[in-house]
PDB file of N, CA and C in Angstrom:
ATOM      1  N   UNK A   1       0.840  -1.190   0.000  1.00  0.00           N
ATOM      2  CA  UNK A   1       0.000   0.000   0.000  1.00  0.00           C
ATOM      3  C   UNK A   1       0.877   1.242   0.000  1.00  0.00           C
ATOM      4  N   UNK A   2       0.305   2.339  -0.415  1.00  0.00           N
ATOM      5  CA  UNK A   2       1.036   3.589  -0.503  1.00  0.00           C
ATOM      6  C   UNK A   2       0.190   4.710   0.080  1.00  0.00           C
ATOM      7  N   UNK A   3       0.848   5.754   0.491  1.00  0.00           N
ATOM      8  CA  UNK A   3       0.114   6.904   1.004  1.00  0.00           C
ATOM      9  C   UNK A   3      -0.087   7.952  -0.088  1.00  0.00           C
ATOM     10  N   UNK A   4       0.181   7.570  -1.339  1.00  0.00           N
ATOM     11  CA  UNK A   4      -0.031   8.476  -2.468  1.00  0.00           C
ATOM     12  C   UNK A   4      -1.534   8.684  -2.678  1.00  0.00           C
ATOM     13  N   UNK A   5      -1.921   9.853  -3.180  1.00  0.00           N
ATOM     14  CA  UNK A   5      -3.346  10.065  -3.460  1.00  0.00           C
ATOM     15  C   UNK A   5      -3.814   9.184  -4.603  1.00  0.00           C
ATOM     16  N   UNK A   6      -5.101   9.006  -4.682  1.00  0.00           N
ATOM     17  CA  UNK A   6      -5.703   8.311  -5.813  1.00  0.00           C
ATOM     18  C   UNK A   6      -5.682   9.247  -7.011  1.00  0.00           C
ATOM     19  N   UNK A   7      -5.351   8.745  -8.170  1.00  0.00           N
ATOM     20  CA  UNK A   7      -5.463   9.529  -9.400  1.00  0.00           C
ATOM     21  C   UNK A   7      -6.844   9.199  -9.949  1.00  0.00           C
ATOM     22  N   UNK A   8      -7.683  10.206 -10.086  1.00  0.00           N
ATOM     23  CA  UNK A   8      -9.079   9.983 -10.454  1.00  0.00           C
ATOM     24  C   UNK A   8      -9.416  10.773 -11.717  1.00  0.00           C
ATOM     25  N   UNK A   9     -10.025  10.087 -12.668  1.00  0.00           N
ATOM     26  CA  UNK A   9     -10.563  10.732 -13.846  1.00  0.00           C
ATOM     27  C   UNK A   9     -12.076  10.759 -13.688  1.00  0.00           C
ATOM     28  N   UNK A  10     -12.609  11.949 -13.449  1.00  0.00           N
ATOM     29  CA  UNK A  10     -14.056  12.121 -13.370  1.00  0.00           C
ATOM     30  C   UNK A  10     -14.553  12.349 -14.790  1.00  0.00           C
ATOM     31  N   UNK A  11     -15.361  11.407 -15.294  1.00  0.00           N
ATOM     32  CA  UNK A  11     -15.894  11.461 -16.646  1.00  0.00           C
ATOM     33  C   UNK A  11     -17.342  11.923 -16.553  1.00  0.00           C
ATOM     34  N   UNK A  12     -17.681  12.967 -17.309  1.00  0.00           N
ATOM     35  CA  UNK A  12     -19.015  13.555 -17.193  1.00  0.00           C
ATOM     36  C   UNK A  12     -19.683  13.612 -18.552  1.00  0.00           C
ATOM     37  N   UNK A  13     -20.956  13.288 -18.540  1.00  0.00           N
ATOM     38  CA  UNK A  13     -21.741  13.326 -19.766  1.00  0.00           C
ATOM     39  C   UNK A  13     -22.988  14.167 -19.576  1.00  0.00           C
ATOM     40  N   UNK A  14     -23.466  14.699 -20.658  1.00  0.00           N
ATOM     41  CA  UNK A  14     -24.713  15.460 -20.667  1.00  0.00           C
ATOM     42  C   UNK A  14     -25.772  14.546 -21.267  1.00  0.00           C
ATOM     43  N   UNK A  15     -26.930  14.438 -20.602  1.00  0.00           N
ATOM     44  CA  UNK A  15     -27.920  13.479 -21.087  1.00  0.00           C
ATOM     45  C   UNK A  15     -29.070  14.135 -21.857  1.00  0.00           C
ATOM     46  N   UNK A  16     -29.965  13.325 -22.338  1.00  0.00           N
ATOM     47  CA  UNK A  16     -31.029  13.781 -23.229  1.00  0.00           C
ATOM     48  C   UNK A  16     -31.930  14.822 -22.586  1.00  0.00           C
ATOM     49  N   UNK A  17     -32.148  14.759 -21.269  1.00  0.00           N
ATOM     50  CA  UNK A  17     -33.010  15.751 -20.625  1.00  0.00           C
ATOM     51  C   UNK A  17     -32.510  17.172 -20.864  1.00  0.00           C
ATOM     52  N   UNK A  18     -31.196  17.352 -20.880  1.00  0.00           N
ATOM     53  CA  UNK A  18     -30.639  18.672 -21.164  1.00  0.00           C
ATOM     54  C   UNK A  18     -31.026  19.111 -22.570  1.00  0.00           C
ATOM     55  N   UNK A  19     -30.888  18.222 -23.529  1.00  0.00           N
ATOM     56  CA  UNK A  19     -31.161  18.570 -24.920  1.00  0.00           C
ATOM     57  C   UNK A  19     -32.657  18.735 -25.196  1.00  0.00           C
ATOM     58  N   UNK A  20     -33.485  18.228 -24.297  1.00  0.00           N
ATOM     59  CA  UNK A  20     -34.926  18.416 -24.433  1.00  0.00           C
ATOM     60  C   UNK A  20     -35.392  19.779 -23.925  1.00  0.00           C
ATOM     61  N   UNK A  21     -34.531  20.481 -23.175  1.00  0.00           N
ATOM     62  CA  UNK A  21     -34.894  21.798 -22.664  1.00  0.00           C
ATOM     63  C   UNK A  21     -34.966  22.820 -23.794  1.00  0.00           C
ATOM     64  N   UNK A  22     -35.877  23.789 -23.663  1.00  0.00           N
ATOM     65  CA  UNK A  22     -35.818  24.918 -24.605  1.00  0.00           C
ATOM     66  C   UNK A  22     -34.510  25.686 -24.387  1.00  0.00           C
ATOM     67  N   UNK A  23     -33.959  26.254 -25.452  1.00  0.00           N
ATOM     68  CA  UNK A  23     -32.690  26.980 -25.332  1.00  0.00           C
ATOM     69  C   UNK A  23     -32.746  28.040 -24.243  1.00  0.00           C
ATOM     70  N   UNK A  24     -33.914  28.614 -24.011  1.00  0.00           N
ATOM     71  CA  UNK A  24     -34.031  29.670 -23.007  1.00  0.00           C
ATOM     72  C   UNK A  24     -33.827  29.153 -21.581  1.00  0.00           C
ATOM     73  N   UNK A  25     -33.827  27.822 -21.386  1.00  0.00           N
ATOM     74  CA  UNK A  25     -33.680  27.254 -20.042  1.00  0.00           C
ATOM     75  C   UNK A  25     -32.338  26.555 -19.810  1.00  0.00           C
ATOM     76  N   UNK A  26     -31.488  26.462 -20.820  1.00  0.00           N
ATOM     77  CA  UNK A  26     -30.238  25.726 -20.620  1.00  0.00           C
ATOM     78  C   UNK A  26     -29.229  26.492 -19.768  1.00  0.00           C
ATOM     79  N   UNK A  27     -29.353  27.803 -19.710  1.00  0.00           N
ATOM     80  CA  UNK A  27     -28.427  28.601 -18.918  1.00  0.00           C
ATOM     81  C   UNK A  27     -28.415  28.215 -17.455  1.00  0.00           C
ATOM     82  N   UNK A  28     -29.575  27.858 -16.919  1.00  0.00           N
ATOM     83  CA  UNK A  28     -29.642  27.474 -15.500  1.00  0.00           C
ATOM     84  C   UNK A  28     -28.876  26.170 -15.252  1.00  0.00           C
ATOM     85  N   UNK A  29     -28.847  25.289 -16.239  1.00  0.00           N
ATOM     86  CA  UNK A  29     -28.081  24.047 -16.092  1.00  0.00           C
ATOM     87  C   UNK A  29     -26.594  24.358 -16.113  1.00  0.00           C
ATOM     88  N   UNK A  30     -26.153  25.217 -17.055  1.00  0.00           N
ATOM     89  CA  UNK A  30     -24.731  25.557 -17.128  1.00  0.00           C
ATOM     90  C   UNK A  30     -24.269  26.298 -15.874  1.00  0.00           C
ATOM     91  N   UNK A  31     -25.127  27.141 -15.326  1.00  0.00           N
ATOM     92  CA  UNK A  31     -24.778  27.840 -14.085  1.00  0.00           C
ATOM     93  C   UNK A  31     -24.587  26.839 -12.951  1.00  0.00           C
ATOM     94  N   UNK A  32     -25.491  25.879 -12.836  1.00  0.00           N
ATOM     95  CA  UNK A  32     -25.380  24.854 -11.791  1.00  0.00           C
ATOM     96  C   UNK A  32     -24.159  23.970 -12.032  1.00  0.00           C
ATOM     97  N   UNK A  33     -23.896  23.623 -13.288  1.00  0.00           N
ATOM     98  CA  UNK A  33     -22.739  22.784 -13.619  1.00  0.00           C
ATOM     99  C   UNK A  33     -21.444  23.509 -13.238  1.00  0.00           C
ATOM    100  N   UNK A  34     -21.353  24.787 -13.554  1.00  0.00           N
ATOM    101  CA  UNK A  34     -20.167  25.573 -13.191  1.00  0.00           C
ATOM    102  C   UNK A  34     -20.015  25.643 -11.675  1.00  0.00           C
ATOM    103  N   UNK A  35     -21.126  25.783 -10.956  1.00  0.00           N
ATOM    104  CA  UNK A  35     -21.071  25.782  -9.498  1.00  0.00           C
ATOM    105  C   UNK A  35     -20.590  24.451  -8.956  1.00  0.00           C
ATOM    106  N   UNK A  36     -21.044  23.348  -9.574  1.00  0.00           N
ATOM    107  CA  UNK A  36     -20.599  22.016  -9.158  1.00  0.00           C
ATOM    108  C   UNK A  36     -19.106  21.873  -9.385  1.00  0.00           C
ATOM    109  N   UNK A  37     -18.597  22.349 -10.531  1.00  0.00           N
ATOM    110  CA  UNK A  37     -17.160  22.268 -10.810  1.00  0.00           C
ATOM    111  C   UNK A  37     -16.352  23.066  -9.784  1.00  0.00           C
ATOM    112  N   UNK A  38     -16.851  24.229  -9.405  1.00  0.00           N
ATOM    113  CA  UNK A  38     -16.164  25.036  -8.391  1.00  0.00           C
ATOM    114  C   UNK A  38     -16.168  24.318  -7.048  1.00  0.00           C
ATOM    115  N   UNK A  39     -17.295  23.689  -6.714  1.00  0.00           N
ATOM    116  CA  UNK A  39     -17.376  22.939  -5.458  1.00  0.00           C
ATOM    117  C   UNK A  39     -16.459  21.716  -5.492  1.00  0.00           C
ATOM    118  N   UNK A  40     -16.392  21.049  -6.628  1.00  0.00           N
ATOM    119  CA  UNK A  40     -15.478  19.919  -6.789  1.00  0.00           C
ATOM    120  C   UNK A  40     -14.050  20.384  -6.505  1.00  0.00           C
ATOM    121  N   UNK A  41     -13.631  21.471  -7.127  1.00  0.00           N
ATOM    122  CA  UNK A  41     -12.266  21.970  -6.960  1.00  0.00           C
ATOM    123  C   UNK A  41     -11.988  22.420  -5.527  1.00  0.00           C
ATOM    124  N   UNK A  42     -13.026  22.849  -4.817  1.00  0.00           N
ATOM    125  CA  UNK A  42     -12.861  23.332  -3.445  1.00  0.00           C
ATOM    126  C   UNK A  42     -12.989  22.219  -2.404  1.00  0.00           C
ATOM    127  N   UNK A  43     -13.317  21.011  -2.828  1.00  0.00           N
ATOM    128  CA  UNK A  43     -13.498  19.903  -1.892  1.00  0.00           C
ATOM    129  C   UNK A  43     -12.173  19.568  -1.220  1.00  0.00           C
ATOM    130  N   UNK A  44     -12.198  19.496   0.101  1.00  0.00           N
ATOM    131  CA  UNK A  44     -10.987  19.145   0.848  1.00  0.00           C
ATOM    132  C   UNK A  44     -10.518  17.763   0.424  1.00  0.00           C
ATOM    133  N   UNK A  45      -9.223  17.650   0.143  1.00  0.00           N
ATOM    134  CA  UNK A  45      -8.660  16.375  -0.278  1.00  0.00           C
ATOM    135  C   UNK A  45      -8.658  16.166  -1.780  1.00  0.00           C
ATOM    136  N   UNK A  46      -9.095  17.182  -2.540  1.00  0.00           N
ATOM    137  CA  UNK A  46      -9.112  17.100  -4.001  1.00  0.00           C
ATOM    138  C   UNK A  46      -8.172  18.156  -4.565  1.00  0.00           C
ATOM    139  N   UNK A  47      -7.261  17.716  -5.437  1.00  0.00           N
ATOM    140  CA  UNK A  47      -6.393  18.628  -6.175  1.00  0.00           C
ATOM    141  C   UNK A  47      -6.660  18.410  -7.657  1.00  0.00           C
ATOM    142  N   UNK A  48      -7.296  19.383  -8.290  1.00  0.00           N
ATOM    143  CA  UNK A  48      -7.582  19.264  -9.720  1.00  0.00           C
ATOM    144  C   UNK A  48      -6.290  19.486 -10.496  1.00  0.00           C
ATOM    145  N   UNK A  49      -5.971  18.520 -11.358  1.00  0.00           N
ATOM    146  CA  UNK A  49      -4.758  18.581 -12.178  1.00  0.00           C
ATOM    147  C   UNK A  49      -5.036  19.134 -13.565  1.00  0.00           C
ATOM    148  N   UNK A  50      -6.271  18.931 -14.041  1.00  0.00           N
ATOM    149  CA  UNK A  50      -6.611  19.425 -15.368  1.00  0.00           C
ATOM    150  C   UNK A  50      -8.037  19.085 -15.737  1.00  0.00           C
ATOM    151  N   UNK A  51      -8.516  19.748 -16.773  1.00  0.00           N
ATOM    152  CA  UNK A  51      -9.860  19.499 -17.289  1.00  0.00           C
ATOM    153  C   UNK A  51      -9.787  19.400 -18.811  1.00  0.00           C
ATOM    154  N   UNK A  52     -10.793  18.754 -19.383  1.00  0.00           N
ATOM    155  CA  UNK A  52     -10.900  18.680 -20.832  1.00  0.00           C
ATOM    156  C   UNK A  52     -12.374  18.643 -21.204  1.00  0.00           C
ATOM    157  N   UNK A  53     -12.757  19.488 -22.143  1.00  0.00           N
ATOM    158  CA  UNK A  53     -14.130  19.544 -22.638  1.00  0.00           C
ATOM    159  C   UNK A  53     -14.117  19.091 -24.093  1.00  0.00           C
ATOM    160  N   UNK A  54     -14.957  18.136 -24.429  1.00  0.00           N
ATOM    161  CA  UNK A  54     -14.991  17.579 -25.779  1.00  0.00           C
ATOM    162  C   UNK A  54     -16.242  18.021 -26.529  1.00  0.00           C
ATOM    163  N   UNK A  55     -16.844  19.155 -26.128  1.00  0.00           N
ATOM    164  CA  UNK A  55     -18.116  19.539 -26.722  1.00  0.00           C
ATOM    165  C   UNK A  55     -18.001  20.012 -28.172  1.00  0.00           C
ATOM    166  N   UNK A  56     -16.796  20.250 -28.650  1.00  0.00           N
ATOM    167  CA  UNK A  56     -16.641  20.632 -30.056  1.00  0.00           C
ATOM    168  C   UNK A  56     -16.721  19.432 -30.985  1.00  0.00           C
ATOM    169  N   UNK A  57     -16.402  18.252 -30.448  1.00  0.00           N
ATOM    170  CA  UNK A  57     -16.358  17.052 -31.281  1.00  0.00           C
ATOM    171  C   UNK A  57     -17.394  16.018 -30.906  1.00  0.00           C
ATOM    172  N   UNK A  58     -18.115  16.279 -29.828  1.00  0.00           N
ATOM    173  CA  UNK A  58     -19.207  15.400 -29.409  1.00  0.00           C
ATOM    174  C   UNK A  58     -20.424  16.279 -29.218  1.00  0.00           C
ATOM    175  N   UNK A  59     -21.376  16.163 -30.104  1.00  0.00           N
ATOM    176  CA  UNK A  59     -22.586  16.969 -30.030  1.00  0.00           C
ATOM    177  C   UNK A  59     -23.741  16.025 -29.754  1.00  0.00           C
ATOM    178  N   UNK A  60     -24.472  16.305 -28.697  1.00  0.00           N
ATOM    179  CA  UNK A  60     -25.585  15.453 -28.302  1.00  0.00           C
ATOM    180  C   UNK A  60     -25.259  14.730 -27.013  1.00  0.00           C
ATOM    181  N   UNK A  61     -26.169  13.888 -26.562  1.00  0.00           N
ATOM    182  CA  UNK A  61     -25.999  13.218 -25.275  1.00  0.00           C
ATOM    183  C   UNK A  61     -24.817  12.254 -25.260  1.00  0.00           C
ATOM    184  N   UNK A  62     -24.250  12.076 -24.080  1.00  0.00           N
ATOM    185  CA  UNK A  62     -23.210  11.061 -23.888  1.00  0.00           C
ATOM    186  C   UNK A  62     -23.456  10.379 -22.551  1.00  0.00           C
ATOM    187  N   UNK A  63     -23.739   9.101 -22.613  1.00  0.00           N
ATOM    188  CA  UNK A  63     -23.982   8.317 -21.405  1.00  0.00           C
ATOM    189  C   UNK A  63     -22.836   7.348 -21.148  1.00  0.00           C
ATOM    190  N   UNK A  64     -21.761   7.503 -21.860  1.00  0.00           N
ATOM    191  CA  UNK A  64     -20.595   6.641 -21.743  1.00  0.00           C
ATOM    192  C   UNK A  64     -19.527   7.152 -22.678  1.00  0.00           C
ATOM    193  N   UNK A  65     -18.486   6.344 -22.847  1.00  0.00           N
ATOM    194  CA  UNK A  65     -17.380   6.754 -23.695  1.00  0.00           C
ATOM    195  C   UNK A  65     -17.849   7.021 -25.110  1.00  0.00           C
ATOM    196  N   UNK A  66     -17.454   8.080 -25.765  1.00  0.00           N
ATOM    197  CA  UNK A  66     -16.672   9.182 -25.205  1.00  0.00           C
ATOM    198  C   UNK A  66     -17.566  10.105 -24.378  1.00  0.00           C
ATOM    199  N   UNK A  67     -17.019  10.594 -23.302  1.00  0.00           N
ATOM    200  CA  UNK A  67     -17.745  11.497 -22.422  1.00  0.00           C
ATOM    201  C   UNK A  67     -17.661  12.919 -22.971  1.00  0.00           C
ATOM    202  N   UNK A  68     -18.482  13.798 -22.416  1.00  0.00           N
ATOM    203  CA  UNK A  68     -18.479  15.190 -22.848  1.00  0.00           C
ATOM    204  C   UNK A  68     -17.305  15.957 -22.262  1.00  0.00           C
ATOM    205  N   UNK A  69     -17.015  15.731 -20.980  1.00  0.00           N
ATOM    206  CA  UNK A  69     -15.905  16.451 -20.356  1.00  0.00           C
ATOM    207  C   UNK A  69     -15.297  15.600 -19.250  1.00  0.00           C
ATOM    208  N   UNK A  70     -14.100  16.013 -18.852  1.00  0.00           N
ATOM    209  CA  UNK A  70     -13.317  15.235 -17.902  1.00  0.00           C
ATOM    210  C   UNK A  70     -12.635  16.168 -16.913  1.00  0.00           C
ATOM    211  N   UNK A  71     -12.474  15.693 -15.678  1.00  0.00           N
ATOM    212  CA  UNK A  71     -11.652  16.363 -14.680  1.00  0.00           C
ATOM    213  C   UNK A  71     -10.671  15.327 -14.156  1.00  0.00           C
ATOM    214  N   UNK A  72      -9.375  15.609 -14.249  1.00  0.00           N
ATOM    215  CA  UNK A  72      -8.342  14.742 -13.697  1.00  0.00           C
ATOM    216  C   UNK A  72      -7.903  15.348 -12.374  1.00  0.00           C
ATOM    217  N   UNK A  73      -7.922  14.538 -11.314  1.00  0.00           N
ATOM    218  CA  UNK A  73      -7.609  15.063  -9.986  1.00  0.00           C
ATOM    219  C   UNK A  73      -6.881  14.021  -9.157  1.00  0.00           C
ATOM    220  N   UNK A  74      -6.089  14.501  -8.214  1.00  0.00           N
ATOM    221  CA  UNK A  74      -5.572  13.658  -7.148  1.00  0.00           C
ATOM    222  C   UNK A  74      -6.545  13.805  -5.990  1.00  0.00           C
ATOM    223  N   UNK A  75      -6.959  12.663  -5.436  1.00  0.00           N
ATOM    224  CA  UNK A  75      -7.976  12.650  -4.381  1.00  0.00           C
ATOM    225  C   UNK A  75      -7.455  11.814  -3.228  1.00  0.00           C
ATOM    226  N   UNK A  76      -7.687  12.288  -2.028  1.00  0.00           N
ATOM    227  CA  UNK A  76      -7.105  11.689  -0.837  1.00  0.00           C
ATOM    228  C   UNK A  76      -7.583  10.254  -0.591  1.00  0.00           C
ATOM    229  N   UNK A  77      -8.875   9.953  -0.863  1.00  0.00           N
ATOM    230  CA  UNK A  77      -9.395   8.614  -0.574  1.00  0.00           C
ATOM    231  C   UNK A  77     -10.717   8.379  -1.307  1.00  0.00           C
ATOM    232  N   UNK A  78     -11.180   7.126  -1.265  1.00  0.00           N
ATOM    233  CA  UNK A  78     -12.408   6.753  -1.971  1.00  0.00           C
ATOM    234  C   UNK A  78     -13.631   7.474  -1.420  1.00  0.00           C
ATOM    235  N   UNK A  79     -13.793   7.663  -0.105  1.00  0.00           N
ATOM    236  CA  UNK A  79     -14.965   8.416   0.358  1.00  0.00           C
ATOM    237  C   UNK A  79     -15.030   9.836  -0.226  1.00  0.00           C
ATOM    238  N   UNK A  80     -13.882  10.454  -0.475  1.00  0.00           N
ATOM    239  CA  UNK A  80     -13.881  11.786  -1.081  1.00  0.00           C
ATOM    240  C   UNK A  80     -14.284  11.706  -2.549  1.00  0.00           C
ATOM    241  N   UNK A  81     -13.866  10.650  -3.241  1.00  0.00           N
ATOM    242  CA  UNK A  81     -14.326  10.429  -4.627  1.00  0.00           C
ATOM    243  C   UNK A  81     -15.846  10.308  -4.632  1.00  0.00           C
ATOM    244  N   UNK A  82     -16.381   9.539  -3.694  1.00  0.00           N
ATOM    245  CA  UNK A  82     -17.836   9.378  -3.572  1.00  0.00           C
ATOM    246  C   UNK A  82     -18.508  10.725  -3.328  1.00  0.00           C
ATOM    247  N   UNK A  83     -17.917  11.551  -2.463  1.00  0.00           N
ATOM    248  CA  UNK A  83     -18.493  12.863  -2.168  1.00  0.00           C
ATOM    249  C   UNK A  83     -18.551  13.744  -3.417  1.00  0.00           C
ATOM    250  N   UNK A  84     -17.507  13.676  -4.239  1.00  0.00           N
ATOM    251  CA  UNK A  84     -17.518  14.453  -5.482  1.00  0.00           C
ATOM    252  C   UNK A  84     -18.637  13.960  -6.395  1.00  0.00           C
ATOM    253  N   UNK A  85     -18.759  12.655  -6.567  1.00  0.00           N
ATOM    254  CA  UNK A  85     -19.838  12.117  -7.406  1.00  0.00           C
ATOM    255  C   UNK A  85     -21.209  12.510  -6.857  1.00  0.00           C
ATOM    256  N   UNK A  86     -21.308  12.600  -5.541  1.00  0.00           N
ATOM    257  CA  UNK A  86     -22.576  12.962  -4.902  1.00  0.00           C
ATOM    258  C   UNK A  86     -22.993  14.397  -5.225  1.00  0.00           C
ATOM    259  N   UNK A  87     -22.070  15.230  -5.680  1.00  0.00           N
ATOM    260  CA  UNK A  87     -22.431  16.597  -6.058  1.00  0.00           C
ATOM    261  C   UNK A  87     -23.505  16.609  -7.145  1.00  0.00           C
ATOM    262  N   UNK A  88     -23.573  15.562  -7.949  1.00  0.00           N
ATOM    263  CA  UNK A  88     -24.611  15.474  -8.977  1.00  0.00           C
ATOM    264  C   UNK A  88     -25.986  15.222  -8.365  1.00  0.00           C
ATOM    265  N   UNK A  89     -26.021  14.726  -7.134  1.00  0.00           N
ATOM    266  CA  UNK A  89     -27.288  14.526  -6.416  1.00  0.00           C
ATOM    267  C   UNK A  89     -27.684  15.761  -5.607  1.00  0.00           C
ATOM    268  N   UNK A  90     -26.703  16.553  -5.190  1.00  0.00           N
ATOM    269  CA  UNK A  90     -26.979  17.652  -4.269  1.00  0.00           C
ATOM    270  C   UNK A  90     -26.970  19.031  -4.930  1.00  0.00           C
ATOM    271  N   UNK A  91     -26.432  19.154  -6.132  1.00  0.00           N
ATOM    272  CA  UNK A  91     -26.470  20.418  -6.860  1.00  0.00           C
ATOM    273  C   UNK A  91     -27.849  20.557  -7.487  1.00  0.00           C
ATOM    274  N   UNK A  92     -28.569  21.578  -7.067  1.00  0.00           N
ATOM    275  CA  UNK A  92     -29.958  21.720  -7.498  1.00  0.00           C
ATOM    276  C   UNK A  92     -30.112  22.717  -8.646  1.00  0.00           C
ATOM    277  N   UNK A  93     -31.078  22.399  -9.510  1.00  0.00           N
ATOM    278  CA  UNK A  93     -31.492  23.257 -10.617  1.00  0.00           C
ATOM    279  C   UNK A  93     -33.006  23.330 -10.509  1.00  0.00           C
ATOM    280  N   UNK A  94     -33.489  24.361  -9.861  1.00  0.00           N
ATOM    281  CA  UNK A  94     -34.918  24.428  -9.574  1.00  0.00           C
ATOM    282  C   UNK A  94     -35.309  23.269  -8.678  1.00  0.00           C
ATOM    283  N   UNK A  95     -36.280  22.490  -9.100  1.00  0.00           N
ATOM    284  CA  UNK A  95     -36.752  21.337  -8.319  1.00  0.00           C
ATOM    285  C   UNK A  95     -35.918  20.084  -8.532  1.00  0.00           C
ATOM    286  N   UNK A  96     -35.019  20.112  -9.485  1.00  0.00           N
ATOM    287  CA  UNK A  96     -34.300  18.908  -9.883  1.00  0.00           C
ATOM    288  C   UNK A  96     -32.825  18.986  -9.507  1.00  0.00           C
ATOM    289  N   UNK A  97     -32.239  17.813  -9.306  1.00  0.00           N
ATOM    290  CA  UNK A  97     -30.799  17.723  -9.069  1.00  0.00           C
ATOM    291  C   UNK A  97     -30.072  17.675 -10.415  1.00  0.00           C
ATOM    292  N   UNK A  98     -28.798  17.992 -10.387  1.00  0.00           N
ATOM    293  CA  UNK A  98     -27.982  18.014 -11.602  1.00  0.00           C
ATOM    294  C   UNK A  98     -28.020  16.687 -12.351  1.00  0.00           C
ATOM    295  N   UNK A  99     -28.141  15.585 -11.618  1.00  0.00           N
ATOM    296  CA  UNK A  99     -28.139  14.282 -12.297  1.00  0.00           C
ATOM    297  C   UNK A  99     -29.282  14.120 -13.290  1.00  0.00           C
ATOM    298  N   UNK A 100     -30.286  14.972 -13.240  1.00  0.00           N
ATOM    299  CA  UNK A 100     -31.354  14.926 -14.240  1.00  0.00           C
ATOM    300  C   UNK A 100     -30.801  15.279 -15.629  1.00  0.00           C
ATOM    301  N   UNK A 101     -29.769  16.126 -15.650  1.00  0.00           N
ATOM    302  CA  UNK A 101     -29.237  16.653 -16.898  1.00  0.00           C
ATOM    303  C   UNK A 101     -27.840  16.140 -17.253  1.00  0.00           C
ATOM    304  N   UNK A 102     -27.158  15.571 -16.280  1.00  0.00           N
ATOM    305  CA  UNK A 102     -25.771  15.158 -16.504  1.00  0.00           C
ATOM    306  C   UNK A 102     -25.466  13.920 -15.672  1.00  0.00           C
ATOM    307  N   UNK A 103     -24.399  13.243 -16.047  1.00  0.00           N
ATOM    308  CA  UNK A 103     -23.981  12.033 -15.345  1.00  0.00           C
ATOM    309  C   UNK A 103     -22.489  12.097 -15.068  1.00  0.00           C
ATOM    310  N   UNK A 104     -22.042  11.315 -14.090  1.00  0.00           N
ATOM    311  CA  UNK A 104     -20.628  11.282 -13.739  1.00  0.00           C
ATOM    312  C   UNK A 104     -20.216   9.842 -13.480  1.00  0.00           C
ATOM    313  N   UNK A 105     -18.998   9.535 -13.862  1.00  0.00           N
ATOM    314  CA  UNK A 105     -18.384   8.241 -13.558  1.00  0.00           C
ATOM    315  C   UNK A 105     -16.951   8.527 -13.136  1.00  0.00           C
ATOM    316  N   UNK A 106     -16.500   7.902 -12.061  1.00  0.00           N
ATOM    317  CA  UNK A 106     -15.129   8.098 -11.592  1.00  0.00           C
ATOM    318  C   UNK A 106     -14.301   6.862 -11.901  1.00  0.00           C
ATOM    319  N   UNK A 107     -13.184   7.083 -12.567  1.00  0.00           N
ATOM    320  CA  UNK A 107     -12.203   6.031 -12.823  1.00  0.00           C
ATOM    321  C   UNK A 107     -11.061   6.276 -11.854  1.00  0.00           C
ATOM    322  N   UNK A 108     -10.772   5.296 -11.003  1.00  0.00           N
ATOM    323  CA  UNK A 108      -9.786   5.464  -9.938  1.00  0.00           C
ATOM    324  C   UNK A 108      -8.563   4.605 -10.241  1.00  0.00           C
ATOM    325  N   UNK A 109      -7.408   5.228 -10.169  1.00  0.00           N
ATOM    326  CA  UNK A 109      -6.162   4.508 -10.396  1.00  0.00           C
ATOM    327  C   UNK A 109      -5.039   5.146  -9.607  1.00  0.00           C
ATOM    328  N   UNK A 110      -3.889   5.185 -10.232  1.00  0.00           N
ATOM    329  CA  UNK A 110      -2.709   5.790  -9.607  1.00  0.00           C
ATOM    330  C   UNK A 110      -1.943   6.518 -10.700  1.00  0.00           C
ATOM    331  N   UNK A 111      -1.024   7.354 -10.286  1.00  0.00           N
ATOM    332  CA  UNK A 111      -0.169   8.031 -11.249  1.00  0.00           C
ATOM    333  C   UNK A 111       0.568   6.972 -12.067  1.00  0.00           C
ATOM    334  N   UNK A 112       0.727   7.202 -13.339  1.00  0.00           N
ATOM    335  CA  UNK A 112       1.387   6.251 -14.228  1.00  0.00           C
ATOM    336  C   UNK A 112       2.890   6.316 -14.010  1.00  0.00           C
ATOM    337  N   UNK A 113       3.398   5.340 -13.261  1.00  0.00           N
ATOM    338  CA  UNK A 113       4.822   5.201 -12.992  1.00  0.00           C
ATOM    339  C   UNK A 113       5.120   3.709 -12.940  1.00  0.00           C
ATOM    340  N   UNK A 114       6.389   3.359 -13.087  1.00  0.00           N
ATOM    341  CA  UNK A 114       6.797   1.969 -12.900  1.00  0.00           C
ATOM    342  C   UNK A 114       6.819   1.699 -11.399  1.00  0.00           C
ATOM    343  N   UNK A 115       6.054   0.713 -10.972  1.00  0.00           N
ATOM    344  CA  UNK A 115       5.994   0.390  -9.543  1.00  0.00           C
ATOM    345  C   UNK A 115       7.356  -0.067  -9.054  1.00  0.00           C
ATOM    346  N   UNK A 116       7.618   0.207  -7.782  1.00  0.00           N
ATOM    347  CA  UNK A 116       8.927  -0.160  -7.194  1.00  0.00           C
ATOM    348  C   UNK A 116       9.097  -1.688  -7.068  1.00  0.00           C
ATOM    349  N   UNK A 117       8.003  -2.453  -7.092  1.00  0.00           N
ATOM    350  CA  UNK A 117       8.115  -3.904  -6.972  1.00  0.00           C
ATOM    351  C   UNK A 117       8.288  -4.602  -8.322  1.00  0.00           C
ATOM    352  N   UNK A 118       8.408  -3.839  -9.406  1.00  0.00           N
ATOM    353  CA  UNK A 118       8.602  -4.416 -10.730  1.00  0.00           C
ATOM    354  C   UNK A 118      10.076  -4.339 -11.097  1.00  0.00           C
ATOM    355  N   UNK A 119      10.701  -5.511 -11.336  1.00  0.00           N
ATOM    356  CA  UNK A 119      12.123  -5.490 -11.706  1.00  0.00           C
ATOM    357  C   UNK A 119      12.310  -4.823 -13.068  1.00  0.00           C
ATOM    358  N   UNK A 120      13.308  -3.963 -13.174  1.00  0.00           N
ATOM    359  CA  UNK A 120      13.574  -3.279 -14.435  1.00  0.00           C
ATOM    360  C   UNK A 120      14.924  -3.656 -15.027  1.00  0.00           C
ATOM    361  N   UNK A 121      15.632  -4.538 -14.339  1.00  0.00           N
ATOM    362  CA  UNK A 121      16.943  -4.949 -14.872  1.00  0.00           C
ATOM    363  C   UNK A 121      17.016  -6.456 -14.942  1.00  0.00           C
TER     364      UNK A 121
END
């Protein structure tokens, strides 16, 4: 075991409910999504390393690979990863939670390095 943080790729997709909204109502979703991203970055034990938005090359809903956007972060532990994913349940847009319009999946691993227990000679 190691005391290194978990390397986590948060994969996020926008679902059909968002695309069913009239254009005049999508701003409230983007405002809530931006607030969720700020809360994610401010979560204790989370260090955001980078983000990527694929909305120029993926138009329409994404419920799996390829996702719409990604956040790569170092996270202290699995309960904190769970807390970040829970932001989709607790970020509200009127009467609905963010998960009505978007989805999240966390891929948990480690920094890509040769492990010390692997012989290299």
